[in-house]
């Protein structure tokens, strides 16, 4: 279990430029967003542009939000990409506070 605090490690200036842009912008590319226990699942059309956007966003978010865990599923046969973003209690509220929107998932989007 990740015990990192739910906090960004960027400076205030870097946060203003990035924190409320990265995940909401990636979420806007998703064909589906749903809250899951401990975070959010985003599904994307299987395009090279989406894969690049996912990789760039995850790379940048890893640098500032050490409490987030990213799991990317790239299935065979051109299936949709699925990005699962998880974290400790309070992660959903953190993501929602950034402007990330999603519907309730099959598990009700607990936590």
PDB file of N, CA and C in Angstrom:
ATOM      1  N   UNK A   1       0.847  -1.191   0.000  1.00  0.00           N
ATOM      2  CA  UNK A   1       0.000   0.000   0.000  1.00  0.00           C
ATOM      3  C   UNK A   1       0.883   1.241   0.000  1.00  0.00           C
ATOM      4  N   UNK A   2       0.533   2.194  -0.822  1.00  0.00           N
ATOM      5  CA  UNK A   2       1.264   3.446  -0.923  1.00  0.00           C
ATOM      6  C   UNK A   2       0.879   4.335   0.257  1.00  0.00           C
ATOM      7  N   UNK A   3       1.882   4.816   0.979  1.00  0.00           N
ATOM      8  CA  UNK A   3       1.607   5.679   2.123  1.00  0.00           C
ATOM      9  C   UNK A   3       2.032   7.119   1.864  1.00  0.00           C
ATOM     10  N   UNK A   4       2.312   7.458   0.619  1.00  0.00           N
ATOM     11  CA  UNK A   4       2.674   8.828   0.287  1.00  0.00           C
ATOM     12  C   UNK A   4       1.491   9.742   0.559  1.00  0.00           C
ATOM     13  N   UNK A   5       1.746  10.957   1.068  1.00  0.00           N
ATOM     14  CA  UNK A   5       0.635  11.881   1.313  1.00  0.00           C
ATOM     15  C   UNK A   5       0.000  12.338   0.005  1.00  0.00           C
ATOM     16  N   UNK A   6      -1.274  12.698   0.072  1.00  0.00           N
ATOM     17  CA  UNK A   6      -1.982  13.212  -1.104  1.00  0.00           C
ATOM     18  C   UNK A   6      -1.605  14.676  -1.249  1.00  0.00           C
ATOM     19  N   UNK A   7      -0.492  14.887  -1.931  1.00  0.00           N
ATOM     20  CA  UNK A   7       0.028  16.234  -2.109  1.00  0.00           C
ATOM     21  C   UNK A   7       0.931  16.269  -3.323  1.00  0.00           C
ATOM     22  N   UNK A   8       0.897  17.379  -4.020  1.00  0.00           N
ATOM     23  CA  UNK A   8       1.760  17.573  -5.171  1.00  0.00           C
ATOM     24  C   UNK A   8       3.114  18.057  -4.681  1.00  0.00           C
ATOM     25  N   UNK A   9       4.185  17.600  -5.315  1.00  0.00           N
ATOM     26  CA  UNK A   9       5.525  17.997  -4.908  1.00  0.00           C
ATOM     27  C   UNK A   9       6.111  19.101  -5.773  1.00  0.00           C
ATOM     28  N   UNK A  10       5.305  19.654  -6.678  1.00  0.00           N
ATOM     29  CA  UNK A  10       5.771  20.759  -7.511  1.00  0.00           C
ATOM     30  C   UNK A  10       5.712  22.067  -6.741  1.00  0.00           C
ATOM     31  N   UNK A  11       6.447  23.057  -7.220  1.00  0.00           N
ATOM     32  CA  UNK A  11       6.378  24.387  -6.623  1.00  0.00           C
ATOM     33  C   UNK A  11       5.012  24.994  -6.934  1.00  0.00           C
ATOM     34  N   UNK A  12       4.678  26.074  -6.257  1.00  0.00           N
ATOM     35  CA  UNK A  12       3.388  26.735  -6.482  1.00  0.00           C
ATOM     36  C   UNK A  12       3.250  27.189  -7.931  1.00  0.00           C
ATOM     37  N   UNK A  13       4.310  27.729  -8.517  1.00  0.00           N
ATOM     38  CA  UNK A  13       4.254  28.170  -9.915  1.00  0.00           C
ATOM     39  C   UNK A  13       4.024  26.998 -10.855  1.00  0.00           C
ATOM     40  N   UNK A  14       4.700  25.870 -10.626  1.00  0.00           N
ATOM     41  CA  UNK A  14       4.516  24.694 -11.465  1.00  0.00           C
ATOM     42  C   UNK A  14       3.103  24.147 -11.323  1.00  0.00           C
ATOM     43  N   UNK A  15       2.557  24.174 -10.100  1.00  0.00           N
ATOM     44  CA  UNK A  15       1.200  23.687  -9.881  1.00  0.00           C
ATOM     45  C   UNK A  15       0.199  24.515 -10.663  1.00  0.00           C
ATOM     46  N   UNK A  16       0.353  25.819 -10.667  1.00  0.00           N
ATOM     47  CA  UNK A  16      -0.578  26.677 -11.402  1.00  0.00           C
ATOM     48  C   UNK A  16      -0.554  26.347 -12.891  1.00  0.00           C
ATOM     49  N   UNK A  17       0.586  25.957 -13.394  1.00  0.00           N
ATOM     50  CA  UNK A  17       0.717  25.671 -14.820  1.00  0.00           C
ATOM     51  C   UNK A  17       0.279  24.262 -15.191  1.00  0.00           C
ATOM     52  N   UNK A  18       0.230  23.330 -14.234  1.00  0.00           N
ATOM     53  CA  UNK A  18       0.037  21.947 -14.602  1.00  0.00           C
ATOM     54  C   UNK A  18      -1.066  21.215 -13.850  1.00  0.00           C
ATOM     55  N   UNK A  19      -1.203  21.423 -12.577  1.00  0.00           N
ATOM     56  CA  UNK A  19      -2.060  20.562 -11.757  1.00  0.00           C
ATOM     57  C   UNK A  19      -3.496  20.489 -12.244  1.00  0.00           C
ATOM     58  N   UNK A  20      -4.056  21.601 -12.644  1.00  0.00           N
ATOM     59  CA  UNK A  20      -5.460  21.568 -13.064  1.00  0.00           C
ATOM     60  C   UNK A  20      -5.607  21.393 -14.571  1.00  0.00           C
ATOM     61  N   UNK A  21      -4.519  21.014 -15.259  1.00  0.00           N
ATOM     62  CA  UNK A  21      -4.576  20.826 -16.699  1.00  0.00           C
ATOM     63  C   UNK A  21      -4.360  19.386 -17.135  1.00  0.00           C
ATOM     64  N   UNK A  22      -3.388  18.709 -16.567  1.00  0.00           N
ATOM     65  CA  UNK A  22      -2.946  17.415 -17.084  1.00  0.00           C
ATOM     66  C   UNK A  22      -4.038  16.353 -17.098  1.00  0.00           C
ATOM     67  N   UNK A  23      -4.530  15.975 -15.932  1.00  0.00           N
ATOM     68  CA  UNK A  23      -5.526  14.901 -15.873  1.00  0.00           C
ATOM     69  C   UNK A  23      -6.874  15.316 -16.456  1.00  0.00           C
ATOM     70  N   UNK A  24      -7.350  16.541 -16.224  1.00  0.00           N
ATOM     71  CA  UNK A  24      -8.601  16.924 -16.883  1.00  0.00           C
ATOM     72  C   UNK A  24      -8.483  16.913 -18.424  1.00  0.00           C
ATOM     73  N   UNK A  25      -7.356  17.354 -18.946  1.00  0.00           N
ATOM     74  CA  UNK A  25      -7.159  17.352 -20.403  1.00  0.00           C
ATOM     75  C   UNK A  25      -7.125  15.915 -20.927  1.00  0.00           C
ATOM     76  N   UNK A  26      -6.461  15.018 -20.189  1.00  0.00           N
ATOM     77  CA  UNK A  26      -6.444  13.613 -20.600  1.00  0.00           C
ATOM     78  C   UNK A  26      -7.852  13.026 -20.502  1.00  0.00           C
ATOM     79  N   UNK A  27      -8.563  13.345 -19.431  1.00  0.00           N
ATOM     80  CA  UNK A  27      -9.930  12.856 -19.259  1.00  0.00           C
ATOM     81  C   UNK A  27     -10.855  13.288 -20.385  1.00  0.00           C
ATOM     82  N   UNK A  28     -10.613  14.465 -20.928  1.00  0.00           N
ATOM     83  CA  UNK A  28     -11.441  14.958 -22.037  1.00  0.00           C
ATOM     84  C   UNK A  28     -11.253  14.108 -23.291  1.00  0.00           C
ATOM     85  N   UNK A  29     -10.124  13.427 -23.422  1.00  0.00           N
ATOM     86  CA  UNK A  29      -9.870  12.560 -24.574  1.00  0.00           C
ATOM     87  C   UNK A  29     -10.553  11.202 -24.418  1.00  0.00           C
ATOM     88  N   UNK A  30     -10.920  10.859 -23.181  1.00  0.00           N
ATOM     89  CA  UNK A  30     -11.461   9.530 -22.895  1.00  0.00           C
ATOM     90  C   UNK A  30     -12.871   9.368 -23.459  1.00  0.00           C
ATOM     91  N   UNK A  31     -13.182   8.164 -23.903  1.00  0.00           N
ATOM     92  CA  UNK A  31     -14.537   7.865 -24.358  1.00  0.00           C
ATOM     93  C   UNK A  31     -15.430   7.501 -23.180  1.00  0.00           C
ATOM     94  N   UNK A  32     -14.817   7.125 -22.063  1.00  0.00           N
ATOM     95  CA  UNK A  32     -15.551   6.778 -20.845  1.00  0.00           C
ATOM     96  C   UNK A  32     -14.668   7.070 -19.640  1.00  0.00           C
ATOM     97  N   UNK A  33     -15.279   7.581 -18.574  1.00  0.00           N
ATOM     98  CA  UNK A  33     -14.596   7.820 -17.298  1.00  0.00           C
ATOM     99  C   UNK A  33     -15.528   7.341 -16.197  1.00  0.00           C
ATOM    100  N   UNK A  34     -15.002   6.493 -15.320  1.00  0.00           N
ATOM    101  CA  UNK A  34     -15.853   6.027 -14.231  1.00  0.00           C
ATOM    102  C   UNK A  34     -15.049   5.927 -12.942  1.00  0.00           C
ATOM    103  N   UNK A  35     -15.691   6.372 -11.859  1.00  0.00           N
ATOM    104  CA  UNK A  35     -15.080   6.259 -10.553  1.00  0.00           C
ATOM    105  C   UNK A  35     -15.050   4.786 -10.157  1.00  0.00           C
ATOM    106  N   UNK A  36     -13.947   4.374  -9.589  1.00  0.00           N
ATOM    107  CA  UNK A  36     -13.795   3.024  -9.056  1.00  0.00           C
ATOM    108  C   UNK A  36     -13.265   3.155  -7.632  1.00  0.00           C
ATOM    109  N   UNK A  37     -13.273   2.076  -6.908  1.00  0.00           N
ATOM    110  CA  UNK A  37     -12.742   2.117  -5.553  1.00  0.00           C
ATOM    111  C   UNK A  37     -11.297   2.596  -5.584  1.00  0.00           C
ATOM    112  N   UNK A  38     -11.033   3.693  -4.936  1.00  0.00           N
ATOM    113  CA  UNK A  38      -9.680   4.225  -4.843  1.00  0.00           C
ATOM    114  C   UNK A  38      -9.226   5.094  -5.993  1.00  0.00           C
ATOM    115  N   UNK A  39     -10.107   5.382  -6.958  1.00  0.00           N
ATOM    116  CA  UNK A  39      -9.663   6.224  -8.057  1.00  0.00           C
ATOM    117  C   UNK A  39     -10.619   6.287  -9.225  1.00  0.00           C
ATOM    118  N   UNK A  40     -10.065   6.239 -10.425  1.00  0.00           N
ATOM    119  CA  UNK A  40     -10.835   6.416 -11.656  1.00  0.00           C
ATOM    120  C   UNK A  40     -10.297   5.502 -12.752  1.00  0.00           C
ATOM    121  N   UNK A  41     -11.196   5.069 -13.620  1.00  0.00           N
ATOM    122  CA  UNK A  41     -10.805   4.328 -14.826  1.00  0.00           C
ATOM    123  C   UNK A  41     -11.221   5.174 -16.020  1.00  0.00           C
ATOM    124  N   UNK A  42     -10.255   5.402 -16.921  1.00  0.00           N
ATOM    125  CA  UNK A  42     -10.519   6.121 -18.158  1.00  0.00           C
ATOM    126  C   UNK A  42     -10.293   5.160 -19.322  1.00  0.00           C
ATOM    127  N   UNK A  43     -11.198   5.172 -20.294  1.00  0.00           N
ATOM    128  CA  UNK A  43     -11.073   4.332 -21.490  1.00  0.00           C
ATOM    129  C   UNK A  43     -10.913   5.235 -22.700  1.00  0.00           C
ATOM    130  N   UNK A  44     -10.030   4.808 -23.617  1.00  0.00           N
ATOM    131  CA  UNK A  44      -9.664   5.631 -24.763  1.00  0.00           C
ATOM    132  C   UNK A  44      -9.748   4.839 -26.061  1.00  0.00           C
ATOM    133  N   UNK A  45     -10.087   5.536 -27.140  1.00  0.00           N
ATOM    134  CA  UNK A  45     -10.002   4.926 -28.463  1.00  0.00           C
ATOM    135  C   UNK A  45      -8.540   4.536 -28.702  1.00  0.00           C
ATOM    136  N   UNK A  46      -8.310   3.405 -29.360  1.00  0.00           N
ATOM    137  CA  UNK A  46      -6.947   2.900 -29.526  1.00  0.00           C
ATOM    138  C   UNK A  46      -6.182   3.585 -30.664  1.00  0.00           C
ATOM    139  N   UNK A  47      -5.837   4.853 -30.447  1.00  0.00           N
ATOM    140  CA  UNK A  47      -5.094   5.600 -31.465  1.00  0.00           C
ATOM    141  C   UNK A  47      -3.684   5.905 -30.957  1.00  0.00           C
ATOM    142  N   UNK A  48      -2.733   6.085 -31.870  1.00  0.00           N
ATOM    143  CA  UNK A  48      -1.381   6.467 -31.454  1.00  0.00           C
ATOM    144  C   UNK A  48      -1.365   7.787 -30.684  1.00  0.00           C
ATOM    145  N   UNK A  49      -2.239   8.717 -31.070  1.00  0.00           N
ATOM    146  CA  UNK A  49      -2.288  10.016 -30.382  1.00  0.00           C
ATOM    147  C   UNK A  49      -2.729   9.860 -28.940  1.00  0.00           C
ATOM    148  N   UNK A  50      -3.721   9.004 -28.696  1.00  0.00           N
ATOM    149  CA  UNK A  50      -4.169   8.786 -27.319  1.00  0.00           C
ATOM    150  C   UNK A  50      -3.096   8.088 -26.493  1.00  0.00           C
ATOM    151  N   UNK A  51      -2.422   7.110 -27.072  1.00  0.00           N
ATOM    152  CA  UNK A  51      -1.363   6.408 -26.340  1.00  0.00           C
ATOM    153  C   UNK A  51      -0.246   7.374 -25.973  1.00  0.00           C
ATOM    154  N   UNK A  52       0.107   8.261 -26.886  1.00  0.00           N
ATOM    155  CA  UNK A  52       1.129   9.266 -26.619  1.00  0.00           C
ATOM    156  C   UNK A  52       0.670  10.225 -25.519  1.00  0.00           C
ATOM    157  N   UNK A  53      -0.579  10.678 -25.581  1.00  0.00           N
ATOM    158  CA  UNK A  53      -1.104  11.600 -24.560  1.00  0.00           C
ATOM    159  C   UNK A  53      -1.124  10.932 -23.182  1.00  0.00           C
ATOM    160  N   UNK A  54      -1.501   9.664 -23.131  1.00  0.00           N
ATOM    161  CA  UNK A  54      -1.509   8.926 -21.869  1.00  0.00           C
ATOM    162  C   UNK A  54      -0.094   8.855 -21.311  1.00  0.00           C
ATOM    163  N   UNK A  55       0.864   8.445 -22.143  1.00  0.00           N
ATOM    164  CA  UNK A  55       2.248   8.294 -21.687  1.00  0.00           C
ATOM    165  C   UNK A  55       2.821   9.619 -21.196  1.00  0.00           C
ATOM    166  N   UNK A  56       2.587  10.692 -21.928  1.00  0.00           N
ATOM    167  CA  UNK A  56       3.105  11.995 -21.517  1.00  0.00           C
ATOM    168  C   UNK A  56       2.483  12.451 -20.208  1.00  0.00           C
ATOM    169  N   UNK A  57       1.178  12.270 -20.069  1.00  0.00           N
ATOM    170  CA  UNK A  57       0.505  12.693 -18.839  1.00  0.00           C
ATOM    171  C   UNK A  57       0.986  11.883 -17.646  1.00  0.00           C
ATOM    172  N   UNK A  58       1.057  10.568 -17.800  1.00  0.00           N
ATOM    173  CA  UNK A  58       1.515   9.715 -16.695  1.00  0.00           C
ATOM    174  C   UNK A  58       2.939  10.089 -16.309  1.00  0.00           C
ATOM    175  N   UNK A  59       3.793  10.299 -17.283  1.00  0.00           N
ATOM    176  CA  UNK A  59       5.175  10.662 -16.986  1.00  0.00           C
ATOM    177  C   UNK A  59       5.249  11.959 -16.175  1.00  0.00           C
ATOM    178  N   UNK A  60       4.475  12.948 -16.552  1.00  0.00           N
ATOM    179  CA  UNK A  60       4.493  14.229 -15.825  1.00  0.00           C
ATOM    180  C   UNK A  60       3.846  14.101 -14.451  1.00  0.00           C
ATOM    181  N   UNK A  61       2.735  13.376 -14.367  1.00  0.00           N
ATOM    182  CA  UNK A  61       2.057  13.216 -13.071  1.00  0.00           C
ATOM    183  C   UNK A  61       2.899  12.428 -12.081  1.00  0.00           C
ATOM    184  N   UNK A  62       3.655  11.451 -12.552  1.00  0.00           N
ATOM    185  CA  UNK A  62       4.514  10.666 -11.663  1.00  0.00           C
ATOM    186  C   UNK A  62       5.533  11.545 -10.957  1.00  0.00           C
ATOM    187  N   UNK A  63       5.924  12.635 -11.598  1.00  0.00           N
ATOM    188  CA  UNK A  63       6.930  13.527 -11.041  1.00  0.00           C
ATOM    189  C   UNK A  63       6.386  14.397  -9.915  1.00  0.00           C
ATOM    190  N   UNK A  64       5.078  14.634  -9.928  1.00  0.00           N
ATOM    191  CA  UNK A  64       4.534  15.551  -8.922  1.00  0.00           C
ATOM    192  C   UNK A  64       3.589  14.882  -7.933  1.00  0.00           C
ATOM    193  N   UNK A  65       2.959  13.803  -8.317  1.00  0.00           N
ATOM    194  CA  UNK A  65       1.950  13.178  -7.457  1.00  0.00           C
ATOM    195  C   UNK A  65       2.362  11.738  -7.149  1.00  0.00           C
ATOM    196  N   UNK A  66       3.319  11.592  -6.251  1.00  0.00           N
ATOM    197  CA  UNK A  66       3.886  10.275  -5.938  1.00  0.00           C
ATOM    198  C   UNK A  66       2.864   9.332  -5.321  1.00  0.00           C
ATOM    199  N   UNK A  67       1.756   9.853  -4.845  1.00  0.00           N
ATOM    200  CA  UNK A  67       0.732   9.005  -4.225  1.00  0.00           C
ATOM    201  C   UNK A  67      -0.145   8.302  -5.253  1.00  0.00           C
ATOM    202  N   UNK A  68      -0.100   8.736  -6.521  1.00  0.00           N
ATOM    203  CA  UNK A  68      -0.929   8.122  -7.554  1.00  0.00           C
ATOM    204  C   UNK A  68      -0.242   6.905  -8.166  1.00  0.00           C
ATOM    205  N   UNK A  69      -1.034   5.875  -8.428  1.00  0.00           N
ATOM    206  CA  UNK A  69      -0.569   4.675  -9.121  1.00  0.00           C
ATOM    207  C   UNK A  69      -1.292   4.612 -10.459  1.00  0.00           C
ATOM    208  N   UNK A  70      -0.553   4.345 -11.517  1.00  0.00           N
ATOM    209  CA  UNK A  70      -1.109   4.295 -12.864  1.00  0.00           C
ATOM    210  C   UNK A  70      -0.980   2.880 -13.414  1.00  0.00           C
ATOM    211  N   UNK A  71      -2.076   2.341 -13.948  1.00  0.00           N
ATOM    212  CA  UNK A  71      -2.074   1.029 -14.583  1.00  0.00           C
ATOM    213  C   UNK A  71      -2.689   1.175 -15.970  1.00  0.00           C
ATOM    214  N   UNK A  72      -1.894   0.896 -16.983  1.00  0.00           N
ATOM    215  CA  UNK A  72      -2.346   1.026 -18.362  1.00  0.00           C
ATOM    216  C   UNK A  72      -2.539  -0.355 -18.968  1.00  0.00           C
ATOM    217  N   UNK A  73      -3.693  -0.566 -19.583  1.00  0.00           N
ATOM    218  CA  UNK A  73      -3.998  -1.811 -20.270  1.00  0.00           C
ATOM    219  C   UNK A  73      -4.138  -1.498 -21.761  1.00  0.00           C
ATOM    220  N   UNK A  74      -3.300  -2.148 -22.558  1.00  0.00           N
ATOM    221  CA  UNK A  74      -3.343  -1.999 -24.015  1.00  0.00           C
ATOM    222  C   UNK A  74      -3.606  -3.387 -24.581  1.00  0.00           C
ATOM    223  N   UNK A  75      -4.881  -3.710 -24.825  1.00  0.00           N
ATOM    224  CA  UNK A  75      -5.234  -5.056 -25.265  1.00  0.00           C
ATOM    225  C   UNK A  75      -4.896  -5.300 -26.740  1.00  0.00           C
ATOM    226  N   UNK A  76      -4.886  -6.569 -27.085  1.00  0.00           N
ATOM    227  CA  UNK A  76      -4.662  -6.966 -28.477  1.00  0.00           C
ATOM    228  C   UNK A  76      -5.872  -6.589 -29.325  1.00  0.00           C
ATOM    229  N   UNK A  77      -5.703  -6.697 -30.624  1.00  0.00           N
ATOM    230  CA  UNK A  77      -6.794  -6.524 -31.593  1.00  0.00           C
ATOM    231  C   UNK A  77      -7.436  -5.141 -31.544  1.00  0.00           C
ATOM    232  N   UNK A  78      -6.623  -4.127 -31.278  1.00  0.00           N
ATOM    233  CA  UNK A  78      -7.104  -2.749 -31.324  1.00  0.00           C
ATOM    234  C   UNK A  78      -8.237  -2.446 -30.350  1.00  0.00           C
ATOM    235  N   UNK A  79      -8.249  -3.122 -29.204  1.00  0.00           N
ATOM    236  CA  UNK A  79      -9.242  -2.820 -28.177  1.00  0.00           C
ATOM    237  C   UNK A  79      -8.944  -1.483 -27.516  1.00  0.00           C
ATOM    238  N   UNK A  80      -9.937  -0.925 -26.839  1.00  0.00           N
ATOM    239  CA  UNK A  80      -9.763   0.356 -26.152  1.00  0.00           C
ATOM    240  C   UNK A  80      -8.644   0.280 -25.119  1.00  0.00           C
ATOM    241  N   UNK A  81      -7.886   1.375 -25.007  1.00  0.00           N
ATOM    242  CA  UNK A  81      -6.903   1.502 -23.939  1.00  0.00           C
ATOM    243  C   UNK A  81      -7.657   1.803 -22.654  1.00  0.00           C
ATOM    244  N   UNK A  82      -7.168   1.284 -21.552  1.00  0.00           N
ATOM    245  CA  UNK A  82      -7.776   1.553 -20.255  1.00  0.00           C
ATOM    246  C   UNK A  82      -6.695   2.016 -19.293  1.00  0.00           C
ATOM    247  N   UNK A  83      -6.899   3.177 -18.691  1.00  0.00           N
ATOM    248  CA  UNK A  83      -5.966   3.716 -17.712  1.00  0.00           C
ATOM    249  C   UNK A  83      -6.664   3.760 -16.360  1.00  0.00           C
ATOM    250  N   UNK A  84      -6.095   3.066 -15.400  1.00  0.00           N
ATOM    251  CA  UNK A  84      -6.611   3.053 -14.043  1.00  0.00           C
ATOM    252  C   UNK A  84      -5.688   3.925 -13.203  1.00  0.00           C
ATOM    253  N   UNK A  85      -6.260   4.912 -12.533  1.00  0.00           N
ATOM    254  CA  UNK A  85      -5.493   5.811 -11.670  1.00  0.00           C
ATOM    255  C   UNK A  85      -5.996   5.590 -10.254  1.00  0.00           C
ATOM    256  N   UNK A  86      -5.109   5.130  -9.381  1.00  0.00           N
ATOM    257  CA  UNK A  86      -5.494   4.769  -8.019  1.00  0.00           C
ATOM    258  C   UNK A  86      -4.639   5.516  -7.006  1.00  0.00           C
ATOM    259  N   UNK A  87      -5.163   5.586  -5.791  1.00  0.00           N
ATOM    260  CA  UNK A  87      -4.417   6.198  -4.707  1.00  0.00           C
ATOM    261  C   UNK A  87      -5.088   5.913  -3.378  1.00  0.00           C
ATOM    262  N   UNK A  88      -4.576   6.493  -2.314  1.00  0.00           N
ATOM    263  CA  UNK A  88      -5.136   6.275  -0.979  1.00  0.00           C
ATOM    264  C   UNK A  88      -6.488   6.973  -0.812  1.00  0.00           C
ATOM    265  N   UNK A  89      -7.111   6.767   0.328  1.00  0.00           N
ATOM    266  CA  UNK A  89      -8.370   7.459   0.626  1.00  0.00           C
ATOM    267  C   UNK A  89      -8.203   8.947   0.336  1.00  0.00           C
ATOM    268  N   UNK A  90      -9.176   9.513  -0.320  1.00  0.00           N
ATOM    269  CA  UNK A  90      -9.140  10.931  -0.666  1.00  0.00           C
ATOM    270  C   UNK A  90      -8.715  11.201  -2.102  1.00  0.00           C
ATOM    271  N   UNK A  91      -8.306  10.151  -2.814  1.00  0.00           N
ATOM    272  CA  UNK A  91      -7.851  10.338  -4.191  1.00  0.00           C
ATOM    273  C   UNK A  91      -8.975  10.807  -5.095  1.00  0.00           C
ATOM    274  N   UNK A  92     -10.153  10.218  -4.946  1.00  0.00           N
ATOM    275  CA  UNK A  92     -11.277  10.637  -5.788  1.00  0.00           C
ATOM    276  C   UNK A  92     -11.576  12.120  -5.587  1.00  0.00           C
ATOM    277  N   UNK A  93     -11.581  12.560  -4.358  1.00  0.00           N
ATOM    278  CA  UNK A  93     -11.846  13.966  -4.067  1.00  0.00           C
ATOM    279  C   UNK A  93     -10.752  14.857  -4.641  1.00  0.00           C
ATOM    280  N   UNK A  94      -9.511  14.384  -4.554  1.00  0.00           N
ATOM    281  CA  UNK A  94      -8.386  15.129  -5.132  1.00  0.00           C
ATOM    282  C   UNK A  94      -8.578  15.285  -6.638  1.00  0.00           C
ATOM    283  N   UNK A  95      -8.881  14.191  -7.319  1.00  0.00           N
ATOM    284  CA  UNK A  95      -9.078  14.228  -8.772  1.00  0.00           C
ATOM    285  C   UNK A  95     -10.272  15.108  -9.141  1.00  0.00           C
ATOM    286  N   UNK A  96     -11.365  14.967  -8.414  1.00  0.00           N
ATOM    287  CA  UNK A  96     -12.545  15.789  -8.680  1.00  0.00           C
ATOM    288  C   UNK A  96     -12.220  17.270  -8.465  1.00  0.00           C
ATOM    289  N   UNK A  97     -11.399  17.567  -7.466  1.00  0.00           N
ATOM    290  CA  UNK A  97     -10.990  18.942  -7.198  1.00  0.00           C
ATOM    291  C   UNK A  97     -10.166  19.544  -8.329  1.00  0.00           C
ATOM    292  N   UNK A  98      -9.514  18.679  -9.101  1.00  0.00           N
ATOM    293  CA  UNK A  98      -8.753  19.140 -10.272  1.00  0.00           C
ATOM    294  C   UNK A  98      -9.655  19.370 -11.474  1.00  0.00           C
ATOM    295  N   UNK A  99     -10.906  18.909 -11.369  1.00  0.00           N
ATOM    296  CA  UNK A  99     -11.833  19.055 -12.475  1.00  0.00           C
ATOM    297  C   UNK A  99     -12.041  17.784 -13.275  1.00  0.00           C
ATOM    298  N   UNK A 100     -11.507  16.663 -12.786  1.00  0.00           N
ATOM    299  CA  UNK A 100     -11.722  15.384 -13.461  1.00  0.00           C
ATOM    300  C   UNK A 100     -13.148  14.938 -13.166  1.00  0.00           C
ATOM    301  N   UNK A 101     -13.896  14.592 -14.201  1.00  0.00           N
ATOM    302  CA  UNK A 101     -15.292  14.169 -14.042  1.00  0.00           C
ATOM    303  C   UNK A 101     -15.443  12.728 -14.473  1.00  0.00           C
ATOM    304  N   UNK A 102     -16.357  12.011 -13.807  1.00  0.00           N
ATOM    305  CA  UNK A 102     -16.612  10.611 -14.152  1.00  0.00           C
ATOM    306  C   UNK A 102     -17.980  10.202 -13.639  1.00  0.00           C
ATOM    307  N   UNK A 103     -18.481   9.105 -14.193  1.00  0.00           N
ATOM    308  CA  UNK A 103     -19.731   8.535 -13.710  1.00  0.00           C
ATOM    309  C   UNK A 103     -19.394   7.504 -12.643  1.00  0.00           C
ATOM    310  N   UNK A 104     -20.402   7.094 -11.884  1.00  0.00           N
ATOM    311  CA  UNK A 104     -20.207   6.046 -10.887  1.00  0.00           C
ATOM    312  C   UNK A 104     -19.921   4.741 -11.614  1.00  0.00           C
ATOM    313  N   UNK A 105     -18.917   4.021 -11.187  1.00  0.00           N
ATOM    314  CA  UNK A 105     -18.561   2.739 -11.801  1.00  0.00           C
ATOM    315  C   UNK A 105     -19.426   1.636 -11.260  1.00  0.00           C
ATOM    316  N   UNK A 106     -19.146   0.414 -11.706  1.00  0.00           N
ATOM    317  CA  UNK A 106     -19.909  -0.758 -11.291  1.00  0.00           C
ATOM    318  C   UNK A 106     -19.831  -0.983  -9.793  1.00  0.00           C
ATOM    319  N   UNK A 107     -18.733  -0.544  -9.172  1.00  0.00           N
ATOM    320  CA  UNK A 107     -18.606  -0.730  -7.728  1.00  0.00           C
ATOM    321  C   UNK A 107     -19.142   0.458  -6.943  1.00  0.00           C
ATOM    322  N   UNK A 108     -19.778   1.381  -7.635  1.00  0.00           N
ATOM    323  CA  UNK A 108     -20.346   2.547  -6.972  1.00  0.00           C
ATOM    324  C   UNK A 108     -19.352   3.675  -6.777  1.00  0.00           C
ATOM    325  N   UNK A 109     -18.107   3.464  -7.172  1.00  0.00           N
ATOM    326  CA  UNK A 109     -17.107   4.519  -7.035  1.00  0.00           C
ATOM    327  C   UNK A 109     -16.793   4.833  -5.595  1.00  0.00           C
ATOM    328  N   UNK A 110     -16.678   3.843  -4.780  1.00  0.00           N
ATOM    329  CA  UNK A 110     -16.410   4.044  -3.368  1.00  0.00           C
ATOM    330  C   UNK A 110     -15.038   4.663  -3.160  1.00  0.00           C
ATOM    331  N   UNK A 111     -14.878   5.347  -2.037  1.00  0.00           N
ATOM    332  CA  UNK A 111     -13.649   6.011  -1.611  1.00  0.00           C
ATOM    333  C   UNK A 111     -13.431   7.183  -2.462  1.00  0.00           C
TER     334      UNK A 111
END
